[in-house]
N, C-alpha and C. Protein backbone atom coordinates (compact mmCIF):
# COMPACT_ATOMS: atom_id res chain seq x y z
N MET A 1 -15.18 2.35 -24.39
CA MET A 1 -14.70 3.20 -25.45
C MET A 1 -14.30 2.37 -26.65
N ASP A 2 -14.44 2.95 -27.78
CA ASP A 2 -14.04 2.28 -29.01
C ASP A 2 -12.54 2.50 -29.21
N ILE A 3 -11.77 1.43 -29.03
CA ILE A 3 -10.31 1.54 -29.11
C ILE A 3 -9.86 1.97 -30.50
N ASN A 4 -10.55 1.54 -31.52
CA ASN A 4 -10.16 1.94 -32.89
C ASN A 4 -10.30 3.45 -33.07
N LYS A 5 -11.35 4.03 -32.50
CA LYS A 5 -11.51 5.49 -32.56
C LYS A 5 -10.40 6.17 -31.77
N MET A 6 -10.05 5.58 -30.62
CA MET A 6 -8.97 6.15 -29.80
C MET A 6 -7.64 6.09 -30.56
N LYS A 7 -7.38 4.97 -31.22
CA LYS A 7 -6.14 4.81 -31.97
C LYS A 7 -6.04 5.81 -33.11
N ALA A 8 -7.18 6.21 -33.66
CA ALA A 8 -7.19 7.14 -34.80
C ALA A 8 -6.97 8.59 -34.36
N LEU A 9 -7.13 8.86 -33.08
CA LEU A 9 -6.98 10.24 -32.59
C LEU A 9 -5.53 10.70 -32.66
N PRO A 10 -5.31 11.98 -32.94
CA PRO A 10 -3.95 12.52 -32.84
C PRO A 10 -3.49 12.53 -31.38
N TYR A 11 -2.19 12.55 -31.21
CA TYR A 11 -1.55 12.52 -29.89
C TYR A 11 -2.17 13.53 -28.92
N ASP A 12 -2.25 14.79 -29.32
CA ASP A 12 -2.74 15.83 -28.43
C ASP A 12 -4.21 15.64 -28.04
N GLU A 13 -5.03 15.19 -28.95
CA GLU A 13 -6.45 14.97 -28.64
C GLU A 13 -6.63 13.82 -27.67
N LEU A 14 -5.88 12.74 -27.88
CA LEU A 14 -5.96 11.59 -26.98
C LEU A 14 -5.53 11.99 -25.57
N ARG A 15 -4.44 12.74 -25.49
CA ARG A 15 -3.96 13.20 -24.18
C ARG A 15 -4.97 14.10 -23.51
N ALA A 16 -5.63 14.96 -24.27
CA ALA A 16 -6.64 15.86 -23.70
C ALA A 16 -7.81 15.06 -23.12
N LEU A 17 -8.27 14.05 -23.87
CA LEU A 17 -9.34 13.18 -23.36
C LEU A 17 -8.91 12.46 -22.08
N TYR A 18 -7.68 11.97 -22.09
CA TYR A 18 -7.17 11.25 -20.93
C TYR A 18 -7.04 12.18 -19.73
N ARG A 19 -6.60 13.40 -19.99
CA ARG A 19 -6.49 14.36 -18.89
C ARG A 19 -7.86 14.63 -18.26
N ASN A 20 -8.89 14.75 -19.07
CA ASN A 20 -10.25 14.93 -18.54
C ASN A 20 -10.65 13.73 -17.68
N PHE A 21 -10.31 12.54 -18.14
CA PHE A 21 -10.59 11.33 -17.36
C PHE A 21 -9.86 11.39 -16.02
N LEU A 22 -8.60 11.77 -16.05
CA LEU A 22 -7.82 11.84 -14.81
C LEU A 22 -8.44 12.84 -13.83
N HIS A 23 -8.92 13.95 -14.34
CA HIS A 23 -9.55 14.95 -13.46
C HIS A 23 -10.85 14.43 -12.86
N SER A 24 -11.49 13.47 -13.51
CA SER A 24 -12.74 12.92 -12.96
C SER A 24 -12.47 11.92 -11.84
N GLN A 25 -11.22 11.55 -11.67
CA GLN A 25 -10.84 10.58 -10.63
C GLN A 25 -10.48 11.32 -9.34
N ASN A 26 -10.45 10.60 -8.28
CA ASN A 26 -10.11 11.19 -6.99
C ASN A 26 -8.61 11.05 -6.74
N ILE A 27 -7.81 11.73 -7.56
CA ILE A 27 -6.36 11.66 -7.43
C ILE A 27 -5.79 13.07 -7.39
N SER A 28 -4.60 13.20 -6.87
CA SER A 28 -4.00 14.52 -6.68
C SER A 28 -3.62 15.16 -8.00
N LYS A 29 -3.48 16.47 -7.96
CA LYS A 29 -3.09 17.22 -9.16
C LYS A 29 -1.69 16.81 -9.63
N ALA A 30 -0.80 16.55 -8.69
CA ALA A 30 0.56 16.13 -9.05
C ALA A 30 0.54 14.78 -9.78
N THR A 31 -0.29 13.87 -9.30
CA THR A 31 -0.42 12.56 -9.96
C THR A 31 -1.00 12.72 -11.35
N ILE A 32 -1.97 13.61 -11.49
CA ILE A 32 -2.57 13.87 -12.80
C ILE A 32 -1.51 14.39 -13.76
N ASN A 33 -0.73 15.34 -13.31
CA ASN A 33 0.31 15.92 -14.17
C ASN A 33 1.35 14.87 -14.58
N THR A 34 1.75 14.03 -13.63
CA THR A 34 2.73 12.99 -13.93
C THR A 34 2.14 11.96 -14.90
N ALA A 35 0.91 11.55 -14.63
CA ALA A 35 0.27 10.55 -15.50
C ALA A 35 0.07 11.10 -16.91
N TYR A 36 -0.25 12.37 -17.01
CA TYR A 36 -0.49 13.02 -18.29
C TYR A 36 0.75 12.93 -19.18
N VAL A 37 1.93 12.97 -18.57
CA VAL A 37 3.18 12.89 -19.33
C VAL A 37 3.69 11.44 -19.42
N ASP A 38 3.80 10.76 -18.29
CA ASP A 38 4.44 9.44 -18.26
C ASP A 38 3.66 8.34 -18.98
N THR A 39 2.36 8.47 -19.05
CA THR A 39 1.55 7.45 -19.72
C THR A 39 1.98 7.28 -21.18
N PHE A 40 2.37 8.36 -21.80
CA PHE A 40 2.67 8.36 -23.23
C PHE A 40 4.17 8.28 -23.53
N TYR A 41 4.94 7.79 -22.58
CA TYR A 41 6.39 7.68 -22.74
C TYR A 41 6.76 6.82 -23.96
N LEU A 42 6.10 5.67 -24.09
CA LEU A 42 6.41 4.78 -25.23
C LEU A 42 6.09 5.45 -26.57
N TRP A 43 5.06 6.25 -26.60
CA TRP A 43 4.69 6.96 -27.83
C TRP A 43 5.76 7.99 -28.16
N ARG A 44 6.17 8.77 -27.15
CA ARG A 44 7.15 9.83 -27.38
C ARG A 44 8.53 9.29 -27.71
N LYS A 45 8.97 8.26 -26.98
CA LYS A 45 10.33 7.74 -27.15
C LYS A 45 10.42 6.61 -28.17
N GLY A 46 9.29 6.01 -28.49
CA GLY A 46 9.26 4.93 -29.47
C GLY A 46 8.41 5.35 -30.65
N SER A 47 7.18 4.91 -30.63
CA SER A 47 6.25 5.26 -31.71
C SER A 47 4.82 5.06 -31.23
N LYS A 48 3.90 5.60 -32.03
CA LYS A 48 2.48 5.43 -31.76
C LYS A 48 2.14 3.94 -31.77
N GLU A 49 2.68 3.23 -32.74
CA GLU A 49 2.42 1.80 -32.86
C GLU A 49 2.93 1.02 -31.65
N LEU A 50 4.13 1.35 -31.19
CA LEU A 50 4.69 0.70 -30.00
C LEU A 50 3.80 0.92 -28.79
N PHE A 51 3.33 2.16 -28.62
CA PHE A 51 2.45 2.50 -27.50
C PHE A 51 1.17 1.65 -27.55
N TRP A 52 0.48 1.65 -28.70
CA TRP A 52 -0.78 0.93 -28.80
C TRP A 52 -0.60 -0.58 -28.72
N ASN A 53 0.51 -1.09 -29.25
CA ASN A 53 0.77 -2.53 -29.12
C ASN A 53 0.94 -2.93 -27.66
N ALA A 54 1.64 -2.11 -26.90
CA ALA A 54 1.85 -2.41 -25.48
C ALA A 54 0.54 -2.30 -24.70
N VAL A 55 -0.21 -1.24 -24.94
CA VAL A 55 -1.45 -0.99 -24.18
C VAL A 55 -2.52 -2.03 -24.47
N THR A 56 -2.60 -2.50 -25.70
CA THR A 56 -3.67 -3.43 -26.08
C THR A 56 -3.21 -4.89 -26.11
N ALA A 57 -2.00 -5.16 -25.69
CA ALA A 57 -1.47 -6.53 -25.74
C ALA A 57 -2.30 -7.47 -24.86
N THR A 58 -2.44 -8.70 -25.34
CA THR A 58 -3.17 -9.71 -24.55
C THR A 58 -2.41 -10.01 -23.27
N ASP A 59 -1.10 -10.10 -23.37
CA ASP A 59 -0.24 -10.29 -22.20
C ASP A 59 0.34 -8.93 -21.81
N PHE A 60 -0.54 -8.01 -21.44
CA PHE A 60 -0.17 -6.63 -21.20
C PHE A 60 1.02 -6.48 -20.25
N GLU A 61 0.95 -7.11 -19.09
CA GLU A 61 1.99 -6.91 -18.07
C GLU A 61 3.38 -7.21 -18.62
N ASN A 62 3.54 -8.33 -19.27
CA ASN A 62 4.88 -8.71 -19.78
C ASN A 62 5.29 -7.87 -20.98
N GLU A 63 4.39 -7.71 -21.93
CA GLU A 63 4.76 -6.99 -23.16
C GLU A 63 5.01 -5.51 -22.89
N ALA A 64 4.17 -4.90 -22.08
CA ALA A 64 4.36 -3.48 -21.76
C ALA A 64 5.64 -3.30 -20.96
N LYS A 65 5.89 -4.20 -20.01
CA LYS A 65 7.10 -4.09 -19.20
C LYS A 65 8.35 -4.23 -20.07
N ASN A 66 8.35 -5.19 -20.97
CA ASN A 66 9.50 -5.38 -21.85
C ASN A 66 9.72 -4.18 -22.77
N ALA A 67 8.63 -3.64 -23.30
CA ALA A 67 8.74 -2.46 -24.17
C ALA A 67 9.28 -1.26 -23.37
N LEU A 68 8.80 -1.11 -22.15
CA LEU A 68 9.27 0.00 -21.31
C LEU A 68 10.74 -0.17 -20.94
N ILE A 69 11.13 -1.38 -20.59
CA ILE A 69 12.54 -1.63 -20.24
C ILE A 69 13.44 -1.27 -21.42
N LYS A 70 13.05 -1.69 -22.62
CA LYS A 70 13.84 -1.40 -23.82
C LYS A 70 13.92 0.11 -24.06
N ALA A 71 12.77 0.80 -24.00
CA ALA A 71 12.74 2.25 -24.24
C ALA A 71 13.49 3.01 -23.16
N LEU A 72 13.34 2.61 -21.92
CA LEU A 72 14.04 3.28 -20.82
C LEU A 72 15.55 3.05 -20.92
N SER A 73 15.95 1.85 -21.29
CA SER A 73 17.39 1.55 -21.43
C SER A 73 18.02 2.42 -22.51
N GLU A 74 17.28 2.67 -23.56
CA GLU A 74 17.81 3.45 -24.67
C GLU A 74 17.74 4.96 -24.42
N ASN A 75 16.80 5.42 -23.61
CA ASN A 75 16.55 6.85 -23.49
C ASN A 75 16.74 7.47 -22.11
N SER A 76 16.97 6.65 -21.11
CA SER A 76 17.04 7.17 -19.75
C SER A 76 18.41 6.93 -19.13
N THR A 77 18.81 7.83 -18.27
CA THR A 77 20.07 7.64 -17.55
C THR A 77 19.81 7.09 -16.15
N GLY A 78 18.53 6.97 -15.78
CA GLY A 78 18.16 6.48 -14.44
C GLY A 78 18.21 4.97 -14.36
N ASN A 79 17.90 4.47 -13.18
CA ASN A 79 17.87 3.04 -12.92
C ASN A 79 16.59 2.47 -13.54
N VAL A 80 16.75 1.75 -14.62
CA VAL A 80 15.61 1.25 -15.41
C VAL A 80 14.69 0.38 -14.56
N SER A 81 15.25 -0.51 -13.76
CA SER A 81 14.41 -1.43 -12.98
C SER A 81 13.57 -0.70 -11.94
N SER A 82 14.04 0.45 -11.46
CA SER A 82 13.22 1.20 -10.51
C SER A 82 12.23 2.13 -11.21
N LEU A 83 12.52 2.51 -12.45
CA LEU A 83 11.63 3.40 -13.19
C LEU A 83 10.46 2.67 -13.86
N VAL A 84 10.69 1.44 -14.28
CA VAL A 84 9.72 0.73 -15.11
C VAL A 84 8.36 0.57 -14.43
N ASN A 85 8.33 0.31 -13.14
CA ASN A 85 7.05 0.08 -12.47
C ASN A 85 6.18 1.33 -12.42
N GLY A 86 6.79 2.49 -12.31
CA GLY A 86 6.02 3.73 -12.32
C GLY A 86 5.34 3.95 -13.66
N TYR A 87 6.09 3.78 -14.73
CA TYR A 87 5.51 3.93 -16.07
C TYR A 87 4.44 2.87 -16.33
N LEU A 88 4.68 1.67 -15.84
CA LEU A 88 3.72 0.59 -16.02
C LEU A 88 2.41 0.89 -15.29
N SER A 89 2.50 1.47 -14.12
CA SER A 89 1.27 1.81 -13.38
C SER A 89 0.45 2.87 -14.13
N HIS A 90 1.12 3.80 -14.80
CA HIS A 90 0.40 4.79 -15.61
C HIS A 90 -0.30 4.13 -16.81
N LEU A 91 0.36 3.16 -17.40
CA LEU A 91 -0.27 2.44 -18.50
C LEU A 91 -1.49 1.64 -18.03
N ARG A 92 -1.39 1.09 -16.82
CA ARG A 92 -2.54 0.36 -16.26
C ARG A 92 -3.74 1.30 -16.10
N ARG A 93 -3.48 2.51 -15.60
CA ARG A 93 -4.57 3.48 -15.43
C ARG A 93 -5.14 3.89 -16.80
N PHE A 94 -4.27 4.00 -17.79
CA PHE A 94 -4.74 4.33 -19.14
C PHE A 94 -5.66 3.22 -19.66
N ARG A 95 -5.33 1.98 -19.36
CA ARG A 95 -6.18 0.86 -19.77
C ARG A 95 -7.55 0.94 -19.10
N LEU A 96 -7.59 1.41 -17.85
CA LEU A 96 -8.89 1.63 -17.18
C LEU A 96 -9.68 2.70 -17.94
N PHE A 97 -8.99 3.73 -18.37
CA PHE A 97 -9.61 4.78 -19.16
C PHE A 97 -10.22 4.19 -20.44
N LEU A 98 -9.47 3.33 -21.12
CA LEU A 98 -9.96 2.72 -22.36
C LEU A 98 -11.16 1.81 -22.10
N ALA A 99 -11.17 1.16 -20.96
CA ALA A 99 -12.26 0.24 -20.63
C ALA A 99 -13.51 0.99 -20.15
N SER A 100 -13.36 2.28 -19.84
CA SER A 100 -14.49 3.06 -19.33
C SER A 100 -15.18 3.78 -20.47
N ASP A 101 -16.18 4.58 -20.07
CA ASP A 101 -16.85 5.42 -21.06
C ASP A 101 -16.18 6.80 -21.13
N GLY A 102 -15.04 6.90 -20.48
CA GLY A 102 -14.30 8.17 -20.45
C GLY A 102 -14.36 8.85 -19.11
N THR A 103 -15.30 8.45 -18.27
CA THR A 103 -15.42 9.02 -16.93
C THR A 103 -15.77 7.92 -15.95
N ALA A 104 -14.81 7.08 -15.62
CA ALA A 104 -15.04 6.00 -14.66
C ALA A 104 -15.36 6.59 -13.30
N GLU A 105 -16.12 5.86 -12.54
CA GLU A 105 -16.46 6.31 -11.20
C GLU A 105 -15.20 6.35 -10.35
N PRO A 106 -14.96 7.43 -9.60
CA PRO A 106 -13.77 7.49 -8.76
C PRO A 106 -13.70 6.35 -7.76
N SER A 107 -14.83 5.88 -7.28
CA SER A 107 -14.82 4.84 -6.26
C SER A 107 -14.24 3.53 -6.78
N VAL A 108 -14.29 3.30 -8.10
CA VAL A 108 -13.73 2.07 -8.66
C VAL A 108 -12.24 2.01 -8.40
N LEU A 109 -11.55 3.13 -8.60
CA LEU A 109 -10.11 3.14 -8.36
C LEU A 109 -9.80 3.18 -6.87
N ASN A 110 -10.58 3.89 -6.10
CA ASN A 110 -10.30 4.01 -4.67
C ASN A 110 -10.49 2.71 -3.91
N GLN A 111 -11.40 1.85 -4.36
CA GLN A 111 -11.59 0.58 -3.68
C GLN A 111 -10.33 -0.25 -3.77
N GLY A 112 -9.66 -0.23 -4.91
CA GLY A 112 -8.41 -0.96 -5.06
C GLY A 112 -7.33 -0.41 -4.15
N LYS A 113 -7.29 0.90 -4.00
CA LYS A 113 -6.29 1.52 -3.14
C LYS A 113 -6.47 1.08 -1.70
N THR A 114 -7.69 1.15 -1.19
CA THR A 114 -7.91 0.83 0.22
C THR A 114 -7.74 -0.65 0.49
N ALA A 115 -7.99 -1.51 -0.51
CA ALA A 115 -7.84 -2.93 -0.29
C ALA A 115 -6.38 -3.31 -0.13
N ASN A 116 -5.47 -2.55 -0.70
CA ASN A 116 -4.05 -2.88 -0.64
C ASN A 116 -3.33 -2.28 0.56
N ARG A 117 -4.00 -1.47 1.32
CA ARG A 117 -3.32 -0.87 2.47
C ARG A 117 -2.99 -1.93 3.51
N ALA A 118 -1.84 -1.77 4.12
CA ALA A 118 -1.40 -2.73 5.12
C ALA A 118 -2.08 -2.50 6.46
N TYR A 119 -2.63 -1.34 6.67
CA TYR A 119 -3.30 -1.05 7.93
C TYR A 119 -4.51 -0.19 7.67
N THR A 120 -5.39 -0.18 8.63
CA THR A 120 -6.53 0.72 8.56
C THR A 120 -6.55 1.52 9.85
N ARG A 121 -6.98 2.73 9.75
CA ARG A 121 -7.03 3.57 10.94
C ARG A 121 -8.21 3.17 11.81
N LYS A 122 -7.98 3.19 13.08
CA LYS A 122 -9.06 2.90 14.02
C LYS A 122 -9.84 4.18 14.26
N LYS A 123 -11.12 4.02 14.36
CA LYS A 123 -11.94 5.18 14.66
C LYS A 123 -11.80 5.52 16.13
N LYS A 124 -11.79 6.78 16.40
CA LYS A 124 -11.70 7.24 17.78
C LYS A 124 -13.03 6.91 18.46
N MET A 125 -12.93 6.24 19.59
CA MET A 125 -14.14 5.84 20.30
C MET A 125 -14.20 6.57 21.62
N ASP A 126 -15.40 6.91 22.01
CA ASP A 126 -15.59 7.51 23.32
C ASP A 126 -15.69 6.37 24.34
N VAL A 127 -14.72 6.31 25.21
CA VAL A 127 -14.70 5.27 26.23
C VAL A 127 -14.84 5.95 27.57
N ASP A 128 -15.76 5.45 28.35
CA ASP A 128 -16.00 6.01 29.67
C ASP A 128 -15.12 5.26 30.66
N VAL A 129 -13.97 5.83 30.98
CA VAL A 129 -13.04 5.21 31.92
C VAL A 129 -13.40 5.69 33.32
N PRO A 130 -13.68 4.75 34.21
CA PRO A 130 -14.06 5.17 35.57
C PRO A 130 -12.88 5.77 36.32
N TYR A 131 -13.19 6.64 37.24
CA TYR A 131 -12.18 7.27 38.09
C TYR A 131 -11.57 6.20 39.00
N PRO A 132 -10.24 6.13 39.10
CA PRO A 132 -9.62 5.11 39.95
C PRO A 132 -10.07 5.24 41.41
N SER A 133 -10.40 4.10 41.99
CA SER A 133 -10.81 4.09 43.40
C SER A 133 -10.56 2.70 43.97
N ILE A 134 -10.69 2.58 45.25
CA ILE A 134 -10.51 1.28 45.91
C ILE A 134 -11.57 0.29 45.41
N GLU A 135 -12.78 0.79 45.22
CA GLU A 135 -13.87 -0.07 44.73
C GLU A 135 -13.54 -0.61 43.33
N GLN A 136 -12.99 0.25 42.46
CA GLN A 136 -12.63 -0.18 41.11
C GLN A 136 -11.55 -1.24 41.15
N VAL A 137 -10.54 -1.06 41.99
CA VAL A 137 -9.45 -2.04 42.11
C VAL A 137 -10.01 -3.37 42.59
N GLU A 138 -10.85 -3.34 43.60
CA GLU A 138 -11.44 -4.58 44.11
C GLU A 138 -12.30 -5.26 43.05
N PHE A 139 -13.06 -4.48 42.30
CA PHE A 139 -13.90 -5.01 41.24
C PHE A 139 -13.06 -5.78 40.22
N TYR A 140 -11.95 -5.21 39.80
CA TYR A 140 -11.11 -5.86 38.79
C TYR A 140 -10.27 -7.00 39.36
N LEU A 141 -9.94 -6.94 40.64
CA LEU A 141 -9.25 -8.07 41.27
C LEU A 141 -10.15 -9.30 41.31
N VAL A 142 -11.43 -9.11 41.58
CA VAL A 142 -12.39 -10.21 41.59
C VAL A 142 -12.48 -10.80 40.18
N LYS A 143 -12.55 -9.93 39.16
CA LYS A 143 -12.58 -10.41 37.77
C LYS A 143 -11.31 -11.18 37.45
N TRP A 144 -10.16 -10.67 37.86
CA TRP A 144 -8.86 -11.30 37.59
C TRP A 144 -8.81 -12.69 38.20
N ASP A 145 -9.22 -12.80 39.45
CA ASP A 145 -9.18 -14.10 40.13
C ASP A 145 -10.13 -15.10 39.49
N GLY A 146 -11.17 -14.62 38.83
CA GLY A 146 -12.14 -15.51 38.20
C GLY A 146 -11.68 -16.02 36.84
N LEU A 147 -10.64 -15.46 36.25
CA LEU A 147 -10.15 -15.89 34.94
C LEU A 147 -9.00 -16.88 35.13
N GLU A 148 -9.27 -18.15 34.86
CA GLU A 148 -8.28 -19.18 35.11
C GLU A 148 -7.04 -19.02 34.25
N ASN A 149 -7.19 -18.72 32.96
CA ASN A 149 -6.01 -18.61 32.09
C ASN A 149 -5.07 -17.51 32.55
N TYR A 150 -5.61 -16.37 32.94
CA TYR A 150 -4.75 -15.29 33.41
C TYR A 150 -4.09 -15.66 34.73
N HIS A 151 -4.82 -16.38 35.55
CA HIS A 151 -4.27 -16.81 36.84
C HIS A 151 -3.11 -17.78 36.62
N LEU A 152 -3.25 -18.69 35.64
CA LEU A 152 -2.17 -19.63 35.33
C LEU A 152 -0.94 -18.91 34.78
N GLN A 153 -1.17 -17.90 33.98
CA GLN A 153 -0.05 -17.13 33.44
C GLN A 153 0.67 -16.38 34.56
N ALA A 154 -0.10 -15.82 35.48
CA ALA A 154 0.50 -15.10 36.61
C ALA A 154 1.31 -16.07 37.47
N ASP A 155 0.77 -17.26 37.67
CA ASP A 155 1.51 -18.27 38.45
C ASP A 155 2.82 -18.63 37.77
N ALA A 156 2.81 -18.75 36.44
CA ALA A 156 4.03 -19.09 35.70
C ALA A 156 5.06 -17.97 35.84
N LEU A 157 4.62 -16.73 35.77
CA LEU A 157 5.55 -15.61 35.93
C LEU A 157 6.09 -15.55 37.35
N ASN A 158 5.24 -15.80 38.33
CA ASN A 158 5.70 -15.82 39.72
C ASN A 158 6.76 -16.90 39.93
N LYS A 159 6.54 -18.07 39.36
CA LYS A 159 7.51 -19.14 39.47
C LYS A 159 8.84 -18.74 38.82
N LEU A 160 8.74 -18.14 37.64
CA LEU A 160 9.94 -17.73 36.91
C LEU A 160 10.75 -16.73 37.73
N PHE A 161 10.09 -15.69 38.22
CA PHE A 161 10.83 -14.62 38.86
C PHE A 161 11.16 -14.89 40.32
N PHE A 162 10.27 -15.57 41.04
CA PHE A 162 10.54 -15.75 42.46
C PHE A 162 11.33 -17.01 42.76
N GLU A 163 11.08 -18.09 42.00
CA GLU A 163 11.80 -19.33 42.26
C GLU A 163 13.07 -19.42 41.41
N LEU A 164 12.93 -19.31 40.10
CA LEU A 164 14.10 -19.47 39.23
C LEU A 164 15.02 -18.26 39.30
N TRP A 165 14.49 -17.08 39.37
CA TRP A 165 15.31 -15.89 39.48
C TRP A 165 16.04 -15.88 40.80
N GLY A 166 15.41 -16.30 41.83
CA GLY A 166 16.06 -16.39 43.15
C GLY A 166 17.26 -17.31 43.08
N LEU A 167 17.12 -18.44 42.36
CA LEU A 167 18.23 -19.37 42.17
C LEU A 167 19.34 -18.71 41.37
N THR A 168 18.99 -17.96 40.34
CA THR A 168 19.98 -17.28 39.52
C THR A 168 20.73 -16.24 40.32
N GLN A 169 20.05 -15.54 41.20
CA GLN A 169 20.71 -14.52 42.02
C GLN A 169 21.80 -15.14 42.89
N LYS A 170 21.53 -16.32 43.43
CA LYS A 170 22.49 -16.96 44.33
C LYS A 170 23.65 -17.59 43.57
N VAL A 171 23.41 -18.09 42.35
CA VAL A 171 24.43 -18.83 41.63
C VAL A 171 25.23 -17.94 40.68
N ILE A 172 24.57 -17.15 39.84
CA ILE A 172 25.26 -16.44 38.77
C ILE A 172 25.79 -15.08 39.22
N TRP A 173 24.97 -14.26 39.82
CA TRP A 173 25.37 -12.89 40.11
C TRP A 173 26.60 -12.79 41.00
N PRO A 174 26.76 -13.58 42.03
CA PRO A 174 28.00 -13.45 42.82
C PRO A 174 29.26 -13.79 42.02
N GLN A 175 29.14 -14.66 41.02
CA GLN A 175 30.31 -15.04 40.22
C GLN A 175 30.79 -13.89 39.36
N ILE A 176 29.91 -12.96 38.97
CA ILE A 176 30.35 -11.87 38.12
C ILE A 176 30.50 -10.58 38.92
N GLY A 177 30.44 -10.68 40.23
CA GLY A 177 30.75 -9.53 41.05
C GLY A 177 29.57 -8.66 41.46
N TYR A 178 28.35 -9.14 41.29
CA TYR A 178 27.17 -8.36 41.69
C TYR A 178 26.61 -8.94 42.96
N ASN A 179 26.26 -8.08 43.86
CA ASN A 179 25.56 -8.49 45.07
C ASN A 179 24.16 -7.91 45.03
N ILE A 180 23.18 -8.77 45.07
CA ILE A 180 21.80 -8.29 45.02
C ILE A 180 21.13 -8.50 46.36
C-alpha cells in the first residue's frame, strides 16, 4: 500500500479500510471490534501526526511503546504497563495492513500464531490394544527381560526397596513408634 495515500485519508475512511482488512483475516469478531478502536488510540488521544509517526517509525517497537505509555499515562486510569502491550499489538497488526495490498492472506497471520504456541494437540490415533491374556503377559515379559537398560533399572529399584528399605524399617521406624 502507498503509505502517503493512507496518510492523506480522513480518519473514518482509513478505519473503514482497516476494518475490511480485519474481516479478511481469520480472527474473531470481538478481536476485530477491539482492533478497530484500539489501533487508533494514539490518533484519538494524541494526534494524527503522533499516530503516523509511531506507526512508521524506523524503531517502531520503542517509539510506539513510548508514545503509548505517554498517552496512556495522560488519559487512562488503568495500569499503563499492562495496557501498553495490547495497544502495541494492534499497531503491529495495522503495520501488516500497511505492508499488504489491503487483503493479506489469513494464513500469514495464523502461521505466526501456531509457531508461538507452547503445545500442540496430538491427533487421536486408532490403536489396536490386544485383549489381556496369559499369552500377552508372557509375550511382554520376554520383551522386558530382553531389554538390558530396563532390567538394570528394575534391579536398582529392587535394591532400593528390598535392601535399603528393609534396613530403614529396622532402624528408623521402631524409633518413631511404627511397627511394620
